[in-house]
Amino acid sequence: QEYLDFRKERSRMLLSRRNQLLLEFSFWNEPLPRQGPNIYELRTYKLKPGTMIEWGNNWARAIKYRQENQEAVGGFFSQIGELYVVHHLWAYRDLQSREETRNAAWRKRGWDENVYYT
């Protein structure tokens, strides 16, 4: 009964719900617990159908530019649900470190080419 009451209460708070089953990219680090506190940024990309392999190959090269500060938590793609959707999860100590880390990536030769393609 307690669970049923919880579901009823929860349904009053939700406007919509969407589920996806995701697989992690093989070139990305395995997601591991982080020492905190951290802020997390979830970036979502919707790809053109038929471009997943090409896009993944591009990011396999790009991710090396973002490994110095261990901010890359995980990269995932949809397997069930809406297809051709990619998620990147990044962790930063705070908003200042996010800005510094992202600016440092832009100064690295090659990062701009990979991001432009995306």
PDB file of N, CA and C in Angstrom:
ATOM      1  N   GLN A   1       0.826  -1.197   0.000  1.00  0.00           N
ATOM      2  CA  GLN A   1       0.000   0.000   0.000  1.00  0.00           C
ATOM      3  C   GLN A   1       0.874   1.266   0.000  1.00  0.00           C
ATOM      4  N   GLU A   2       1.958   1.199   0.762  1.00  0.00           N
ATOM      5  CA  GLU A   2       2.853   2.352   0.827  1.00  0.00           C
ATOM      6  C   GLU A   2       3.414   2.694  -0.557  1.00  0.00           C
ATOM      7  N   TYR A   3       3.775   1.667  -1.313  1.00  0.00           N
ATOM      8  CA  TYR A   3       4.300   1.894  -2.667  1.00  0.00           C
ATOM      9  C   TYR A   3       3.221   2.479  -3.580  1.00  0.00           C
ATOM     10  N   LEU A   4       2.025   1.979  -3.494  1.00  0.00           N
ATOM     11  CA  LEU A   4       0.929   2.504  -4.314  1.00  0.00           C
ATOM     12  C   LEU A   4       0.642   3.962  -3.976  1.00  0.00           C
ATOM     13  N   ASP A   5       0.692   4.303  -2.702  1.00  0.00           N
ATOM     14  CA  ASP A   5       0.507   5.694  -2.299  1.00  0.00           C
ATOM     15  C   ASP A   5       1.623   6.580  -2.856  1.00  0.00           C
ATOM     16  N   PHE A   6       2.848   6.066  -2.820  1.00  0.00           N
ATOM     17  CA  PHE A   6       3.982   6.813  -3.370  1.00  0.00           C
ATOM     18  C   PHE A   6       3.799   7.051  -4.870  1.00  0.00           C
ATOM     19  N   ARG A   7       3.396   6.028  -5.605  1.00  0.00           N
ATOM     20  CA  ARG A   7       3.193   6.175  -7.059  1.00  0.00           C
ATOM     21  C   ARG A   7       2.118   7.213  -7.351  1.00  0.00           C
ATOM     22  N   LYS A   8       1.066   7.208  -6.568  1.00  0.00           N
ATOM     23  CA  LYS A   8      -0.008   8.174  -6.766  1.00  0.00           C
ATOM     24  C   LYS A   8       0.499   9.595  -6.514  1.00  0.00           C
ATOM     25  N   GLU A   9       1.254   9.781  -5.451  1.00  0.00           N
ATOM     26  CA  GLU A   9       1.809  11.095  -5.131  1.00  0.00           C
ATOM     27  C   GLU A   9       2.821  11.537  -6.184  1.00  0.00           C
ATOM     28  N   ARG A  10       3.654  10.618  -6.624  1.00  0.00           N
ATOM     29  CA  ARG A  10       4.655  10.924  -7.646  1.00  0.00           C
ATOM     30  C   ARG A  10       3.988  11.372  -8.945  1.00  0.00           C
ATOM     31  N   SER A  11       2.901  10.760  -9.310  1.00  0.00           N
ATOM     32  CA  SER A  11       2.232  11.103 -10.567  1.00  0.00           C
ATOM     33  C   SER A  11       1.707  12.542 -10.563  1.00  0.00           C
ATOM     34  N   ARG A  12       1.493  13.126  -9.397  1.00  0.00           N
ATOM     35  CA  ARG A  12       1.060  14.521  -9.317  1.00  0.00           C
ATOM     36  C   ARG A  12       2.203  15.490  -9.602  1.00  0.00           C
ATOM     37  N   MET A  13       3.451  15.018  -9.501  1.00  0.00           N
ATOM     38  CA  MET A  13       4.610  15.881  -9.706  1.00  0.00           C
ATOM     39  C   MET A  13       5.159  15.818 -11.123  1.00  0.00           C
ATOM     40  N   LEU A  14       4.848  14.770 -11.865  1.00  0.00           N
ATOM     41  CA  LEU A  14       5.423  14.576 -13.194  1.00  0.00           C
ATOM     42  C   LEU A  14       4.568  15.211 -14.278  1.00  0.00           C
ATOM     43  N   LEU A  15       5.242  15.891 -15.206  1.00  0.00           N
ATOM     44  CA  LEU A  15       4.568  16.374 -16.404  1.00  0.00           C
ATOM     45  C   LEU A  15       4.719  15.381 -17.544  1.00  0.00           C
ATOM     46  N   SER A  16       5.891  14.762 -17.626  1.00  0.00           N
ATOM     47  CA  SER A  16       6.129  13.752 -18.651  1.00  0.00           C
ATOM     48  C   SER A  16       7.245  12.833 -18.186  1.00  0.00           C
ATOM     49  N   ARG A  17       7.348  11.724 -18.862  1.00  0.00           N
ATOM     50  CA  ARG A  17       8.374  10.745 -18.533  1.00  0.00           C
ATOM     51  C   ARG A  17       8.810  10.072 -19.816  1.00  0.00           C
ATOM     52  N   ARG A  18      10.122   9.821 -19.918  1.00  0.00           N
ATOM     53  CA  ARG A  18      10.677   9.185 -21.109  1.00  0.00           C
ATOM     54  C   ARG A  18      11.797   8.266 -20.653  1.00  0.00           C
ATOM     55  N   ASN A  19      11.846   7.072 -21.191  1.00  0.00           N
ATOM     56  CA  ASN A  19      12.869   6.104 -20.820  1.00  0.00           C
ATOM     57  C   ASN A  19      13.748   5.772 -22.021  1.00  0.00           C
ATOM     58  N   GLN A  20      15.010   5.506 -21.744  1.00  0.00           N
ATOM     59  CA  GLN A  20      15.951   5.040 -22.751  1.00  0.00           C
ATOM     60  C   GLN A  20      16.813   3.967 -22.122  1.00  0.00           C
ATOM     61  N   LEU A  21      17.198   2.989 -22.902  1.00  0.00           N
ATOM     62  CA  LEU A  21      18.238   2.055 -22.495  1.00  0.00           C
ATOM     63  C   LEU A  21      19.483   2.470 -23.256  1.00  0.00           C
ATOM     64  N   LEU A  22      20.570   2.659 -22.518  1.00  0.00           N
ATOM     65  CA  LEU A  22      21.790   3.210 -23.101  1.00  0.00           C
ATOM     66  C   LEU A  22      22.932   2.212 -23.003  1.00  0.00           C
ATOM     67  N   LEU A  23      23.826   2.294 -23.975  1.00  0.00           N
ATOM     68  CA  LEU A  23      25.099   1.571 -23.938  1.00  0.00           C
ATOM     69  C   LEU A  23      26.207   2.606 -23.880  1.00  0.00           C
ATOM     70  N   GLU A  24      27.321   2.244 -23.243  1.00  0.00           N
ATOM     71  CA  GLU A  24      28.421   3.195 -23.172  1.00  0.00           C
ATOM     72  C   GLU A  24      29.324   3.018 -24.386  1.00  0.00           C
ATOM     73  N   PHE A  25      29.894   4.119 -24.827  1.00  0.00           N
ATOM     74  CA  PHE A  25      30.870   4.063 -25.908  1.00  0.00           C
ATOM     75  C   PHE A  25      32.115   3.347 -25.413  1.00  0.00           C
ATOM     76  N   SER A  26      32.691   2.502 -26.241  1.00  0.00           N
ATOM     77  CA  SER A  26      33.863   1.729 -25.842  1.00  0.00           C
ATOM     78  C   SER A  26      35.093   2.611 -25.646  1.00  0.00           C
ATOM     79  N   PHE A  27      35.162   3.756 -26.314  1.00  0.00           N
ATOM     80  CA  PHE A  27      36.340   4.620 -26.215  1.00  0.00           C
ATOM     81  C   PHE A  27      36.303   5.541 -25.004  1.00  0.00           C
ATOM     82  N   TRP A  28      35.163   5.602 -24.318  1.00  0.00           N
ATOM     83  CA  TRP A  28      35.018   6.497 -23.175  1.00  0.00           C
ATOM     84  C   TRP A  28      35.419   5.762 -21.914  1.00  0.00           C
ATOM     85  N   ASN A  29      35.810   6.507 -20.894  1.00  0.00           N
ATOM     86  CA  ASN A  29      36.119   5.882 -19.613  1.00  0.00           C
ATOM     87  C   ASN A  29      34.878   5.228 -19.036  1.00  0.00           C
ATOM     88  N   GLU A  30      35.090   4.168 -18.274  1.00  0.00           N
ATOM     89  CA  GLU A  30      33.968   3.565 -17.564  1.00  0.00           C
ATOM     90  C   GLU A  30      33.541   4.510 -16.453  1.00  0.00           C
ATOM     91  N   PRO A  31      32.244   4.778 -16.315  1.00  0.00           N
ATOM     92  CA  PRO A  31      31.794   5.688 -15.243  1.00  0.00           C
ATOM     93  C   PRO A  31      32.127   5.110 -13.868  1.00  0.00           C
ATOM     94  N   LEU A  32      32.811   5.912 -13.077  1.00  0.00           N
ATOM     95  CA  LEU A  32      33.194   5.504 -11.726  1.00  0.00           C
ATOM     96  C   LEU A  32      32.718   6.555 -10.729  1.00  0.00           C
ATOM     97  N   PRO A  33      32.490   6.148  -9.470  1.00  0.00           N
ATOM     98  CA  PRO A  33      32.107   7.146  -8.456  1.00  0.00           C
ATOM     99  C   PRO A  33      33.190   8.223  -8.337  1.00  0.00           C
ATOM    100  N   ARG A  34      32.762   9.442  -8.089  1.00  0.00           N
ATOM    101  CA  ARG A  34      33.676  10.584  -7.987  1.00  0.00           C
ATOM    102  C   ARG A  34      33.708  11.110  -6.570  1.00  0.00           C
ATOM    103  N   GLN A  35      34.891  11.611  -6.178  1.00  0.00           N
ATOM    104  CA  GLN A  35      34.979  12.342  -4.930  1.00  0.00           C
ATOM    105  C   GLN A  35      34.266  13.668  -5.134  1.00  0.00           C
ATOM    106  N   GLY A  36      33.484  14.092  -4.210  1.00  0.00           N
ATOM    107  CA  GLY A  36      32.703  15.307  -4.392  1.00  0.00           C
ATOM    108  C   GLY A  36      33.065  16.365  -3.398  1.00  0.00           C
ATOM    109  N   PRO A  37      32.348  17.416  -3.400  1.00  0.00           N
ATOM    110  CA  PRO A  37      31.167  17.641  -4.241  1.00  0.00           C
ATOM    111  C   PRO A  37      31.567  18.017  -5.671  1.00  0.00           C
ATOM    112  N   ASN A  38      30.692  17.726  -6.601  1.00  0.00           N
ATOM    113  CA  ASN A  38      30.879  18.052  -8.010  1.00  0.00           C
ATOM    114  C   ASN A  38      29.587  18.632  -8.563  1.00  0.00           C
ATOM    115  N   ILE A  39      29.733  19.309  -9.685  1.00  0.00           N
ATOM    116  CA  ILE A  39      28.557  19.619 -10.480  1.00  0.00           C
ATOM    117  C   ILE A  39      28.676  18.766 -11.733  1.00  0.00           C
ATOM    118  N   TYR A  40      27.556  18.324 -12.229  1.00  0.00           N
ATOM    119  CA  TYR A  40      27.534  17.446 -13.394  1.00  0.00           C
ATOM    120  C   TYR A  40      26.812  18.144 -14.534  1.00  0.00           C
ATOM    121  N   GLU A  41      27.362  17.964 -15.704  1.00  0.00           N
ATOM    122  CA  GLU A  41      26.752  18.504 -16.920  1.00  0.00           C
ATOM    123  C   GLU A  41      26.404  17.334 -17.824  1.00  0.00           C
ATOM    124  N   LEU A  42      25.139  17.237 -18.192  1.00  0.00           N
ATOM    125  CA  LEU A  42      24.672  16.212 -19.121  1.00  0.00           C
ATOM    126  C   LEU A  42      24.366  16.894 -20.435  1.00  0.00           C
ATOM    127  N   ARG A  43      25.099  16.522 -21.467  1.00  0.00           N
ATOM    128  CA  ARG A  43      24.906  17.086 -22.796  1.00  0.00           C
ATOM    129  C   ARG A  43      24.263  16.007 -23.663  1.00  0.00           C
ATOM    130  N   THR A  44      23.242  16.373 -24.417  1.00  0.00           N
ATOM    131  CA  THR A  44      22.518  15.436 -25.252  1.00  0.00           C
ATOM    132  C   THR A  44      22.554  15.906 -26.698  1.00  0.00           C
ATOM    133  N   TYR A  45      22.844  14.972 -27.582  1.00  0.00           N
ATOM    134  CA  TYR A  45      22.913  15.256 -29.015  1.00  0.00           C
ATOM    135  C   TYR A  45      21.972  14.304 -29.736  1.00  0.00           C
ATOM    136  N   LYS A  46      21.229  14.832 -30.691  1.00  0.00           N
ATOM    137  CA  LYS A  46      20.384  14.010 -31.556  1.00  0.00           C
ATOM    138  C   LYS A  46      21.058  13.967 -32.920  1.00  0.00           C
ATOM    139  N   LEU A  47      21.459  12.770 -33.310  1.00  0.00           N
ATOM    140  CA  LEU A  47      22.210  12.593 -34.549  1.00  0.00           C
ATOM    141  C   LEU A  47      21.280  12.344 -35.726  1.00  0.00           C
ATOM    142  N   LYS A  48      21.792  12.642 -36.900  1.00  0.00           N
ATOM    143  CA  LYS A  48      21.076  12.290 -38.122  1.00  0.00           C
ATOM    144  C   LYS A  48      21.142  10.769 -38.268  1.00  0.00           C
ATOM    145  N   PRO A  49      20.036  10.132 -38.652  1.00  0.00           N
ATOM    146  CA  PRO A  49      20.055   8.674 -38.824  1.00  0.00           C
ATOM    147  C   PRO A  49      21.180   8.252 -39.768  1.00  0.00           C
ATOM    148  N   GLY A  50      21.869   7.184 -39.384  1.00  0.00           N
ATOM    149  CA  GLY A  50      22.943   6.642 -40.202  1.00  0.00           C
ATOM    150  C   GLY A  50      24.313   7.238 -39.930  1.00  0.00           C
ATOM    151  N   THR A  51      24.430   8.146 -38.955  1.00  0.00           N
ATOM    152  CA  THR A  51      25.719   8.800 -38.702  1.00  0.00           C
ATOM    153  C   THR A  51      26.372   8.358 -37.386  1.00  0.00           C
ATOM    154  N   MET A  52      25.796   7.386 -36.703  1.00  0.00           N
ATOM    155  CA  MET A  52      26.307   6.997 -35.378  1.00  0.00           C
ATOM    156  C   MET A  52      27.755   6.517 -35.439  1.00  0.00           C
ATOM    157  N   ILE A  53      28.097   5.674 -36.387  1.00  0.00           N
ATOM    158  CA  ILE A  53      29.465   5.136 -36.454  1.00  0.00           C
ATOM    159  C   ILE A  53      30.457   6.243 -36.771  1.00  0.00           C
ATOM    160  N   GLU A  54      30.142   7.055 -37.749  1.00  0.00           N
ATOM    161  CA  GLU A  54      31.031   8.161 -38.107  1.00  0.00           C
ATOM    162  C   GLU A  54      31.192   9.128 -36.936  1.00  0.00           C
ATOM    163  N   TRP A  55      30.090   9.453 -36.282  1.00  0.00           N
ATOM    164  CA  TRP A  55      30.119  10.363 -35.144  1.00  0.00           C
ATOM    165  C   TRP A  55      30.947   9.772 -34.005  1.00  0.00           C
ATOM    166  N   GLY A  56      30.744   8.489 -33.728  1.00  0.00           N
ATOM    167  CA  GLY A  56      31.503   7.824 -32.672  1.00  0.00           C
ATOM    168  C   GLY A  56      32.994   7.800 -32.970  1.00  0.00           C
ATOM    169  N   ASN A  57      33.359   7.557 -34.211  1.00  0.00           N
ATOM    170  CA  ASN A  57      34.775   7.577 -34.589  1.00  0.00           C
ATOM    171  C   ASN A  57      35.375   8.959 -34.368  1.00  0.00           C
ATOM    172  N   ASN A  58      34.620   9.994 -34.678  1.00  0.00           N
ATOM    173  CA  ASN A  58      35.091  11.359 -34.460  1.00  0.00           C
ATOM    174  C   ASN A  58      35.324  11.621 -32.980  1.00  0.00           C
ATOM    175  N   TRP A  59      34.370  11.213 -32.127  1.00  0.00           N
ATOM    176  CA  TRP A  59      34.513  11.453 -30.691  1.00  0.00           C
ATOM    177  C   TRP A  59      35.560  10.558 -30.049  1.00  0.00           C
ATOM    178  N   ALA A  60      35.860   9.421 -30.642  1.00  0.00           N
ATOM    179  CA  ALA A  60      36.955   8.596 -30.135  1.00  0.00           C
ATOM    180  C   ALA A  60      38.262   9.374 -30.225  1.00  0.00           C
ATOM    181  N   ARG A  61      38.407  10.211 -31.245  1.00  0.00           N
ATOM    182  CA  ARG A  61      39.583  11.081 -31.357  1.00  0.00           C
ATOM    183  C   ARG A  61      39.451  12.293 -30.434  1.00  0.00           C
ATOM    184  N   ALA A  62      38.257  12.847 -30.328  1.00  0.00           N
ATOM    185  CA  ALA A  62      38.049  14.090 -29.578  1.00  0.00           C
ATOM    186  C   ALA A  62      38.217  13.914 -28.077  1.00  0.00           C
ATOM    187  N   ILE A  63      37.827  12.773 -27.535  1.00  0.00           N
ATOM    188  CA  ILE A  63      37.810  12.607 -26.086  1.00  0.00           C
ATOM    189  C   ILE A  63      39.202  12.735 -25.474  1.00  0.00           C
ATOM    190  N   LYS A  64      40.246  12.454 -26.246  1.00  0.00           N
ATOM    191  CA  LYS A  64      41.609  12.563 -25.696  1.00  0.00           C
ATOM    192  C   LYS A  64      41.946  13.993 -25.287  1.00  0.00           C
ATOM    193  N   TYR A  65      41.251  14.980 -25.856  1.00  0.00           N
ATOM    194  CA  TYR A  65      41.495  16.378 -25.498  1.00  0.00           C
ATOM    195  C   TYR A  65      40.865  16.752 -24.154  1.00  0.00           C
ATOM    196  N   ARG A  66      40.008  15.892 -23.640  1.00  0.00           N
ATOM    197  CA  ARG A  66      39.267  16.224 -22.420  1.00  0.00           C
ATOM    198  C   ARG A  66      39.549  15.255 -21.281  1.00  0.00           C
ATOM    199  N   GLN A  67      40.725  14.656 -21.231  1.00  0.00           N
ATOM    200  CA  GLN A  67      41.048  13.670 -20.199  1.00  0.00           C
ATOM    201  C   GLN A  67      41.935  14.206 -19.082  1.00  0.00           C
ATOM    202  N   GLU A  68      42.553  15.365 -19.280  1.00  0.00           N
ATOM    203  CA  GLU A  68      43.553  15.845 -18.320  1.00  0.00           C
ATOM    204  C   GLU A  68      42.996  16.058 -16.922  1.00  0.00           C
ATOM    205  N   ASN A  69      41.803  16.606 -16.818  1.00  0.00           N
ATOM    206  CA  ASN A  69      41.221  16.903 -15.506  1.00  0.00           C
ATOM    207  C   ASN A  69      40.208  15.855 -15.061  1.00  0.00           C
ATOM    208  N   GLN A  70      40.172  14.753 -15.759  1.00  0.00           N
ATOM    209  CA  GLN A  70      39.252  13.655 -15.410  1.00  0.00           C
ATOM    210  C   GLN A  70      37.799  14.101 -15.342  1.00  0.00           C
ATOM    211  N   GLU A  71      37.429  15.069 -16.191  1.00  0.00           N
ATOM    212  CA  GLU A  71      36.055  15.554 -16.149  1.00  0.00           C
ATOM    213  C   GLU A  71      35.089  14.675 -16.927  1.00  0.00           C
ATOM    214  N   ALA A  72      35.603  13.831 -17.821  1.00  0.00           N
ATOM    215  CA  ALA A  72      34.737  12.972 -18.624  1.00  0.00           C
ATOM    216  C   ALA A  72      34.242  11.804 -17.774  1.00  0.00           C
ATOM    217  N   VAL A  73      32.962  11.797 -17.468  1.00  0.00           N
ATOM    218  CA  VAL A  73      32.386  10.735 -16.648  1.00  0.00           C
ATOM    219  C   VAL A  73      31.942   9.575 -17.525  1.00  0.00           C
ATOM    220  N   GLY A  74      31.187   9.862 -18.584  1.00  0.00           N
ATOM    221  CA  GLY A  74      30.693   8.784 -19.429  1.00  0.00           C
ATOM    222  C   GLY A  74      30.092   9.293 -20.718  1.00  0.00           C
ATOM    223  N   GLY A  75      30.098   8.434 -21.702  1.00  0.00           N
ATOM    224  CA  GLY A  75      29.470   8.710 -22.984  1.00  0.00           C
ATOM    225  C   GLY A  75      28.579   7.539 -23.347  1.00  0.00           C
ATOM    226  N   PHE A  76      27.344   7.817 -23.700  1.00  0.00           N
ATOM    227  CA  PHE A  76      26.353   6.775 -23.906  1.00  0.00           C
ATOM    228  C   PHE A  76      25.546   7.038 -25.174  1.00  0.00           C
ATOM    229  N   PHE A  77      25.037   5.981 -25.780  1.00  0.00           N
ATOM    230  CA  PHE A  77      24.138   6.123 -26.913  1.00  0.00           C
ATOM    231  C   PHE A  77      22.903   5.263 -26.696  1.00  0.00           C
ATOM    232  N   SER A  78      21.809   5.689 -27.294  1.00  0.00           N
ATOM    233  CA  SER A  78      20.532   5.013 -27.086  1.00  0.00           C
ATOM    234  C   SER A  78      20.498   3.699 -27.857  1.00  0.00           C
ATOM    235  N   GLN A  79      20.015   2.680 -27.193  1.00  0.00           N
ATOM    236  CA  GLN A  79      19.868   1.363 -27.795  1.00  0.00           C
ATOM    237  C   GLN A  79      18.390   1.016 -27.950  1.00  0.00           C
ATOM    238  N   ILE A  80      17.591   1.429 -26.978  1.00  0.00           N
ATOM    239  CA  ILE A  80      16.145   1.217 -27.010  1.00  0.00           C
ATOM    240  C   ILE A  80      15.497   2.521 -26.582  1.00  0.00           C
ATOM    241  N   GLY A  81      14.444   2.906 -27.238  1.00  0.00           N
ATOM    242  CA  GLY A  81      13.815   4.207 -27.027  1.00  0.00           C
ATOM    243  C   GLY A  81      14.084   5.047 -28.253  1.00  0.00           C
ATOM    244  N   GLU A  82      14.201   6.334 -28.075  1.00  0.00           N
ATOM    245  CA  GLU A  82      14.515   7.204 -29.199  1.00  0.00           C
ATOM    246  C   GLU A  82      15.946   6.914 -29.664  1.00  0.00           C
ATOM    247  N   LEU A  83      16.102   6.519 -30.913  1.00  0.00           N
ATOM    248  CA  LEU A  83      17.412   6.146 -31.430  1.00  0.00           C
ATOM    249  C   LEU A  83      18.176   7.365 -31.916  1.00  0.00           C
ATOM    250  N   TYR A  84      19.477   7.184 -32.148  1.00  0.00           N
ATOM    251  CA  TYR A  84      20.381   8.239 -32.616  1.00  0.00           C
ATOM    252  C   TYR A  84      20.490   9.383 -31.606  1.00  0.00           C
ATOM    253  N   VAL A  85      20.449   9.034 -30.332  1.00  0.00           N
ATOM    254  CA  VAL A  85      20.622  10.016 -29.268  1.00  0.00           C
ATOM    255  C   VAL A  85      21.885   9.650 -28.496  1.00  0.00           C
ATOM    256  N   VAL A  86      22.721  10.660 -28.252  1.00  0.00           N
ATOM    257  CA  VAL A  86      23.988  10.473 -27.558  1.00  0.00           C
ATOM    258  C   VAL A  86      23.995  11.386 -26.338  1.00  0.00           C
ATOM    259  N   HIS A  87      24.529  10.871 -25.229  1.00  0.00           N
ATOM    260  CA  HIS A  87      24.652  11.655 -24.001  1.00  0.00           C
ATOM    261  C   HIS A  87      26.110  11.666 -23.567  1.00  0.00           C
ATOM    262  N   HIS A  88      26.587  12.817 -23.162  1.00  0.00           N
ATOM    263  CA  HIS A  88      27.901  12.959 -22.537  1.00  0.00           C
ATOM    264  C   HIS A  88      27.674  13.466 -21.122  1.00  0.00           C
ATOM    265  N   LEU A  89      28.335  12.860 -20.167  1.00  0.00           N
ATOM    266  CA  LEU A  89      28.242  13.293 -18.780  1.00  0.00           C
ATOM    267  C   LEU A  89      29.629  13.739 -18.326  1.00  0.00           C
ATOM    268  N   TRP A  90      29.698  14.981 -17.835  1.00  0.00           N
ATOM    269  CA  TRP A  90      30.946  15.596 -17.405  1.00  0.00           C
ATOM    270  C   TRP A  90      30.827  15.990 -15.934  1.00  0.00           C
ATOM    271  N   ALA A  91      31.940  15.939 -15.206  1.00  0.00           N
ATOM    272  CA  ALA A  91      31.962  16.335 -13.798  1.00  0.00           C
ATOM    273  C   ALA A  91      33.014  17.420 -13.600  1.00  0.00           C
ATOM    274  N   TYR A  92      32.641  18.431 -12.822  1.00  0.00           N
ATOM    275  CA  TYR A  92      33.547  19.541 -12.514  1.00  0.00           C
ATOM    276  C   TYR A  92      33.445  19.847 -11.019  1.00  0.00           C
ATOM    277  N   ARG A  93      34.554  20.345 -10.456  1.00  0.00           N
ATOM    278  CA  ARG A  93      34.521  20.731  -9.038  1.00  0.00           C
ATOM    279  C   ARG A  93      33.513  21.843  -8.799  1.00  0.00           C
ATOM    280  N   ASP A  94      33.491  22.809  -9.712  1.00  0.00           N
ATOM    281  CA  ASP A  94      32.604  23.958  -9.589  1.00  0.00           C
ATOM    282  C   ASP A  94      32.488  24.615 -10.957  1.00  0.00           C
ATOM    283  N   LEU A  95      31.719  25.693 -11.046  1.00  0.00           N
ATOM    284  CA  LEU A  95      31.519  26.353 -12.342  1.00  0.00           C
ATOM    285  C   LEU A  95      32.801  27.005 -12.857  1.00  0.00           C
ATOM    286  N   GLN A  96      33.657  27.452 -11.947  1.00  0.00           N
ATOM    287  CA  GLN A  96      34.926  28.041 -12.376  1.00  0.00           C
ATOM    288  C   GLN A  96      35.818  26.997 -13.044  1.00  0.00           C
ATOM    289  N   SER A  97      35.911  25.806 -12.452  1.00  0.00           N
ATOM    290  CA  SER A  97      36.740  24.767 -13.059  1.00  0.00           C
ATOM    291  C   SER A  97      36.142  24.301 -14.384  1.00  0.00           C
ATOM    292  N   ARG A  98      34.807  24.323 -14.505  1.00  0.00           N
ATOM    293  CA  ARG A  98      34.176  23.996 -15.783  1.00  0.00           C
ATOM    294  C   ARG A  98      34.632  24.975 -16.855  1.00  0.00           C
ATOM    295  N   GLU A  99      34.570  26.257 -16.537  1.00  0.00           N
ATOM    296  CA  GLU A  99      34.975  27.272 -17.512  1.00  0.00           C
ATOM    297  C   GLU A  99      36.446  27.113 -17.887  1.00  0.00           C
ATOM    298  N   GLU A 100      37.313  26.924 -16.908  1.00  0.00           N
ATOM    299  CA  GLU A 100      38.737  26.790 -17.175  1.00  0.00           C
ATOM    300  C   GLU A 100      39.038  25.551 -18.014  1.00  0.00           C
ATOM    301  N   THR A 101      38.397  24.444 -17.688  1.00  0.00           N
ATOM    302  CA  THR A 101      38.627  23.197 -18.409  1.00  0.00           C
ATOM    303  C   THR A 101      38.161  23.296 -19.852  1.00  0.00           C
ATOM    304  N   ARG A 102      36.983  23.866 -20.053  1.00  0.00           N
ATOM    305  CA  ARG A 102      36.456  23.998 -21.415  1.00  0.00           C
ATOM    306  C   ARG A 102      37.305  24.974 -22.229  1.00  0.00           C
ATOM    307  N   ASN A 103      37.747  26.066 -21.633  1.00  0.00           N
ATOM    308  CA  ASN A 103      38.606  27.016 -22.343  1.00  0.00           C
ATOM    309  C   ASN A 103      39.945  26.379 -22.707  1.00  0.00           C
ATOM    310  N   ALA A 104      40.486  25.560 -21.812  1.00  0.00           N
ATOM    311  CA  ALA A 104      41.759  24.888 -22.086  1.00  0.00           C
ATOM    312  C   ALA A 104      41.618  23.932 -23.273  1.00  0.00           C
ATOM    313  N   ALA A 105      40.483  23.268 -23.385  1.00  0.00           N
ATOM    314  CA  ALA A 105      40.265  22.364 -24.519  1.00  0.00           C
ATOM    315  C   ALA A 105      40.269  23.138 -25.836  1.00  0.00           C
ATOM    316  N   TRP A 106      39.682  24.312 -25.851  1.00  0.00           N
ATOM    317  CA  TRP A 106      39.646  25.121 -27.075  1.00  0.00           C
ATOM    318  C   TRP A 106      41.036  25.574 -27.507  1.00  0.00           C
ATOM    319  N   ARG A 107      41.958  25.656 -26.589  1.00  0.00           N
ATOM    320  CA  ARG A 107      43.324  26.063 -26.935  1.00  0.00           C
ATOM    321  C   ARG A 107      44.150  24.916 -27.508  1.00  0.00           C
ATOM    322  N   LYS A 108      43.645  23.696 -27.432  1.00  0.00           N
ATOM    323  CA  LYS A 108      44.376  22.540 -27.943  1.00  0.00           C
ATOM    324  C   LYS A 108      44.092  22.359 -29.431  1.00  0.00           C
ATOM    325  N   ARG A 109      45.149  22.178 -30.174  1.00  0.00           N
ATOM    326  CA  ARG A 109      45.016  21.996 -31.609  1.00  0.00           C
ATOM    327  C   ARG A 109      44.264  20.690 -31.902  1.00  0.00           C
ATOM    328  N   GLY A 110      43.239  20.769 -32.690  1.00  0.00           N
ATOM    329  CA  GLY A 110      42.446  19.604 -33.064  1.00  0.00           C
ATOM    330  C   GLY A 110      41.084  19.550 -32.392  1.00  0.00           C
ATOM    331  N   TRP A 111      40.967  20.123 -31.198  1.00  0.00           N
ATOM    332  CA  TRP A 111      39.671  20.103 -30.496  1.00  0.00           C
ATOM    333  C   TRP A 111      38.602  20.817 -31.315  1.00  0.00           C
ATOM    334  N   ASP A 112      38.951  21.976 -31.867  1.00  0.00           N
ATOM    335  CA  ASP A 112      37.976  22.756 -32.622  1.00  0.00           C
ATOM    336  C   ASP A 112      37.448  21.988 -33.829  1.00  0.00           C
ATOM    337  N   GLU A 113      38.300  21.215 -34.489  1.00  0.00           N
ATOM    338  CA  GLU A 113      37.855  20.433 -35.652  1.00  0.00           C
ATOM    339  C   GLU A 113      36.843  19.377 -35.243  1.00  0.00           C
ATOM    340  N   ASN A 114      37.097  18.697 -34.119  1.00  0.00           N
ATOM    341  CA  ASN A 114      36.171  17.663 -33.655  1.00  0.00           C
ATOM    342  C   ASN A 114      34.836  18.257 -33.217  1.00  0.00           C
ATOM    343  N   VAL A 115      34.891  19.375 -32.530  1.00  0.00           N
ATOM    344  CA  VAL A 115      33.652  20.000 -32.058  1.00  0.00           C
ATOM    345  C   VAL A 115      32.869  20.589 -33.233  1.00  0.00           C
ATOM    346  N   TYR A 116      33.574  21.143 -34.197  1.00  0.00           N
ATOM    347  CA  TYR A 116      32.898  21.683 -35.381  1.00  0.00           C
ATOM    348  C   TYR A 116      32.096  20.592 -36.089  1.00  0.00           C
ATOM    349  N   TYR A 117      32.671  19.421 -36.188  1.00  0.00           N
ATOM    350  CA  TYR A 117      31.981  18.304 -36.840  1.00  0.00           C
ATOM    351  C   TYR A 117      30.707  17.953 -36.082  1.00  0.00           C
ATOM    352  N   THR A 118      30.773  18.000 -34.756  1.00  0.00           N
ATOM    353  CA  THR A 118      29.601  17.668 -33.952  1.00  0.00           C
ATOM    354  C   THR A 118      28.510  18.700 -34.166  1.00  0.00           C
TER     355      THR A 118
END
